């Protein structure tokens, strides 16, 4: 079985990645402000994994900073 995705499905998937990255960026800041460095570290690791997965799906090469900036844009379903 071949999995074919439409442009709309790809866009939605990438928006979901960006939404999660944005949430984790916020959560990481909250963990740091609460004085929970190990929680902050684990959140950062999860965020990096999502950024890597997103980057592997994108046609253009984006830096980590570019992805974080895209993720912080107020668009999407959340």
N, C-alpha and C. Protein backbone atom coordinates (compact mmCIF):
# COMPACT_ATOMS: atom_id res chain seq x y z
N UNK A 1 0.84 -1.18 0.00
CA UNK A 1 0.00 0.00 0.00
C UNK A 1 0.89 1.24 0.00
N UNK A 2 0.60 2.16 -0.88
CA UNK A 2 1.37 3.39 -0.98
C UNK A 2 0.65 4.50 -0.25
N UNK A 3 1.39 5.25 0.53
CA UNK A 3 0.82 6.36 1.27
C UNK A 3 1.10 7.65 0.51
N UNK A 4 0.06 8.22 -0.06
CA UNK A 4 0.20 9.47 -0.78
C UNK A 4 -0.47 10.56 0.04
N UNK A 5 0.23 11.65 0.24
CA UNK A 5 -0.32 12.76 1.01
C UNK A 5 -0.53 13.94 0.10
N UNK A 6 -1.63 14.63 0.32
CA UNK A 6 -1.90 15.84 -0.44
C UNK A 6 -1.11 17.00 0.17
N UNK A 7 -1.00 18.08 -0.58
CA UNK A 7 -0.32 19.26 -0.05
C UNK A 7 -1.00 19.76 1.22
N UNK A 8 -2.31 19.70 1.26
CA UNK A 8 -3.04 20.14 2.46
C UNK A 8 -2.71 19.27 3.66
N UNK A 9 -2.59 17.97 3.45
CA UNK A 9 -2.25 17.06 4.55
C UNK A 9 -0.82 17.31 5.03
N UNK A 10 0.07 17.56 4.10
CA UNK A 10 1.46 17.85 4.45
C UNK A 10 1.54 19.15 5.23
N UNK A 11 0.82 20.17 4.75
CA UNK A 11 0.80 21.46 5.45
C UNK A 11 0.24 21.32 6.86
N UNK A 12 -0.83 20.55 7.00
CA UNK A 12 -1.43 20.36 8.32
C UNK A 12 -0.47 19.63 9.25
N UNK A 13 0.21 18.62 8.73
CA UNK A 13 1.18 17.87 9.54
C UNK A 13 2.31 18.78 10.01
N UNK A 14 2.82 19.61 9.10
CA UNK A 14 3.90 20.53 9.47
C UNK A 14 3.41 21.58 10.46
N UNK A 15 2.16 22.04 10.31
CA UNK A 15 1.59 22.97 11.29
C UNK A 15 1.48 22.31 12.66
N UNK A 16 1.13 21.02 12.68
CA UNK A 16 1.05 20.30 13.95
C UNK A 16 2.42 20.21 14.62
N UNK A 17 3.47 19.94 13.83
CA UNK A 17 4.83 19.93 14.37
C UNK A 17 5.15 21.31 14.97
N UNK A 18 4.86 22.36 14.21
CA UNK A 18 5.17 23.72 14.68
C UNK A 18 4.40 24.06 15.94
N UNK A 19 3.15 23.62 16.02
CA UNK A 19 2.35 23.87 17.22
C UNK A 19 2.96 23.19 18.43
N UNK A 20 3.37 21.93 18.27
CA UNK A 20 3.99 21.21 19.38
C UNK A 20 5.31 21.85 19.80
N UNK A 21 6.10 22.27 18.82
CA UNK A 21 7.38 22.93 19.13
C UNK A 21 7.12 24.21 19.91
N UNK A 22 6.10 24.97 19.51
CA UNK A 22 5.76 26.20 20.22
C UNK A 22 5.33 25.91 21.65
N UNK A 23 4.50 24.88 21.82
CA UNK A 23 4.06 24.51 23.17
C UNK A 23 5.24 24.10 24.05
N UNK A 24 6.16 23.33 23.46
CA UNK A 24 7.32 22.88 24.24
C UNK A 24 8.26 24.03 24.57
N UNK A 25 8.37 25.00 23.66
CA UNK A 25 9.18 26.19 23.96
C UNK A 25 8.61 26.91 25.17
N UNK A 26 7.29 27.05 25.20
CA UNK A 26 6.63 27.68 26.35
C UNK A 26 6.84 26.85 27.61
N UNK A 27 6.62 25.53 27.50
CA UNK A 27 6.76 24.65 28.66
C UNK A 27 8.18 24.66 29.21
N UNK A 28 9.15 24.74 28.30
CA UNK A 28 10.55 24.78 28.74
C UNK A 28 10.82 26.04 29.56
N UNK A 29 10.29 27.16 29.11
CA UNK A 29 10.45 28.41 29.85
C UNK A 29 9.79 28.35 31.22
N UNK A 30 8.62 27.74 31.29
CA UNK A 30 7.92 27.60 32.57
C UNK A 30 8.71 26.70 33.50
N UNK A 31 9.22 25.60 32.98
CA UNK A 31 10.02 24.69 33.83
C UNK A 31 11.25 25.39 34.37
N UNK A 32 11.90 26.20 33.53
CA UNK A 32 13.07 26.95 33.98
C UNK A 32 12.68 27.94 35.07
N UNK A 33 11.57 28.65 34.88
CA UNK A 33 11.16 29.64 35.87
C UNK A 33 10.73 29.00 37.18
N UNK A 34 10.30 27.74 37.13
CA UNK A 34 9.93 27.01 38.34
C UNK A 34 11.12 26.37 39.03
N UNK A 35 12.28 26.50 38.41
CA UNK A 35 13.48 25.92 38.99
C UNK A 35 13.54 24.41 38.85
N UNK A 36 13.08 23.92 37.70
CA UNK A 36 13.09 22.48 37.44
C UNK A 36 14.00 22.19 36.25
N UNK A 37 15.32 22.24 36.47
CA UNK A 37 16.24 22.10 35.34
C UNK A 37 16.16 20.76 34.62
N UNK A 38 15.90 19.69 35.34
CA UNK A 38 15.83 18.39 34.65
C UNK A 38 14.59 18.31 33.77
N UNK A 39 13.49 18.86 34.23
CA UNK A 39 12.28 18.90 33.40
C UNK A 39 12.52 19.75 32.17
N UNK A 40 13.16 20.88 32.36
CA UNK A 40 13.49 21.77 31.24
C UNK A 40 14.36 21.05 30.22
N UNK A 41 15.32 20.26 30.70
CA UNK A 41 16.22 19.53 29.81
C UNK A 41 15.45 18.50 28.99
N UNK A 42 14.57 17.74 29.65
CA UNK A 42 13.79 16.72 28.93
C UNK A 42 12.86 17.37 27.90
N UNK A 43 12.27 18.49 28.24
CA UNK A 43 11.41 19.21 27.30
C UNK A 43 12.23 19.67 26.10
N UNK A 44 13.43 20.16 26.36
CA UNK A 44 14.29 20.61 25.27
C UNK A 44 14.67 19.45 24.35
N UNK A 45 14.93 18.29 24.92
CA UNK A 45 15.27 17.11 24.11
C UNK A 45 14.08 16.74 23.23
N UNK A 46 12.89 16.75 23.79
CA UNK A 46 11.69 16.44 23.01
C UNK A 46 11.49 17.47 21.89
N UNK A 47 11.73 18.74 22.20
CA UNK A 47 11.59 19.80 21.20
C UNK A 47 12.60 19.61 20.07
N UNK A 48 13.82 19.25 20.41
CA UNK A 48 14.84 19.01 19.39
C UNK A 48 14.47 17.82 18.50
N UNK A 49 13.87 16.79 19.08
CA UNK A 49 13.44 15.63 18.29
C UNK A 49 12.35 16.03 17.30
N UNK A 50 11.41 16.85 17.75
CA UNK A 50 10.36 17.32 16.86
C UNK A 50 10.92 18.21 15.75
N UNK A 51 11.87 19.08 16.11
CA UNK A 51 12.49 19.94 15.11
C UNK A 51 13.21 19.11 14.06
N UNK A 52 13.89 18.08 14.48
CA UNK A 52 14.60 17.20 13.56
C UNK A 52 13.62 16.47 12.64
N UNK A 53 12.54 15.96 13.21
CA UNK A 53 11.54 15.26 12.40
C UNK A 53 10.90 16.21 11.40
N UNK A 54 10.60 17.42 11.83
CA UNK A 54 10.02 18.41 10.92
C UNK A 54 10.99 18.74 9.81
N UNK A 55 12.24 18.97 10.16
CA UNK A 55 13.26 19.34 9.17
C UNK A 55 13.40 18.24 8.11
N UNK A 56 13.30 16.99 8.53
CA UNK A 56 13.45 15.89 7.57
C UNK A 56 12.30 15.85 6.57
N UNK A 57 11.17 16.44 6.92
CA UNK A 57 10.01 16.45 6.03
C UNK A 57 9.94 17.69 5.14
N UNK A 58 10.71 18.70 5.47
CA UNK A 58 10.61 19.96 4.73
C UNK A 58 11.55 19.95 3.53
N UNK A 59 11.11 20.59 2.47
CA UNK A 59 11.92 20.67 1.26
C UNK A 59 13.07 21.66 1.41
N UNK A 60 12.86 22.72 2.16
CA UNK A 60 13.89 23.74 2.36
C UNK A 60 14.66 23.46 3.64
N UNK A 61 15.89 23.91 3.68
CA UNK A 61 16.72 23.75 4.88
C UNK A 61 16.48 24.94 5.80
N UNK A 62 16.04 24.68 7.03
CA UNK A 62 15.81 25.71 8.02
C UNK A 62 16.72 25.47 9.22
N UNK A 63 17.18 26.54 9.83
CA UNK A 63 17.96 26.42 11.05
C UNK A 63 17.00 26.19 12.22
N UNK A 64 17.55 25.80 13.35
CA UNK A 64 16.73 25.63 14.55
C UNK A 64 16.04 26.93 14.91
N UNK A 65 16.75 28.05 14.80
CA UNK A 65 16.15 29.35 15.10
C UNK A 65 15.00 29.66 14.15
N UNK A 66 15.17 29.34 12.86
CA UNK A 66 14.11 29.55 11.89
C UNK A 66 12.86 28.76 12.26
N UNK A 67 13.06 27.51 12.66
CA UNK A 67 11.93 26.66 13.03
C UNK A 67 11.23 27.20 14.27
N UNK A 68 11.99 27.65 15.26
CA UNK A 68 11.39 28.22 16.47
C UNK A 68 10.62 29.49 16.11
N UNK A 69 11.15 30.31 15.22
CA UNK A 69 10.43 31.51 14.79
C UNK A 69 9.14 31.15 14.05
N UNK A 70 9.20 30.15 13.19
CA UNK A 70 7.98 29.70 12.51
C UNK A 70 6.97 29.17 13.51
N UNK A 71 7.45 28.44 14.50
CA UNK A 71 6.56 27.84 15.49
C UNK A 71 5.87 28.90 16.36
N UNK A 72 6.52 30.03 16.54
CA UNK A 72 5.93 31.06 17.41
C UNK A 72 4.95 31.96 16.68
N UNK A 73 4.81 31.81 15.36
CA UNK A 73 3.83 32.58 14.60
C UNK A 73 2.45 32.17 15.03
N UNK A 74 1.55 33.10 15.11
CA UNK A 74 0.18 32.82 15.59
C UNK A 74 -0.70 32.37 14.42
N UNK A 75 -0.52 31.11 14.06
CA UNK A 75 -1.34 30.48 13.02
C UNK A 75 -1.64 29.06 13.44
N UNK A 76 -2.50 28.38 12.73
CA UNK A 76 -2.77 26.99 13.03
C UNK A 76 -4.11 26.80 13.71
N UNK A 77 -4.28 25.67 14.31
CA UNK A 77 -5.57 25.27 14.87
C UNK A 77 -5.65 25.44 16.39
N UNK A 78 -4.55 25.73 17.04
CA UNK A 78 -4.56 25.84 18.51
C UNK A 78 -4.56 27.29 18.94
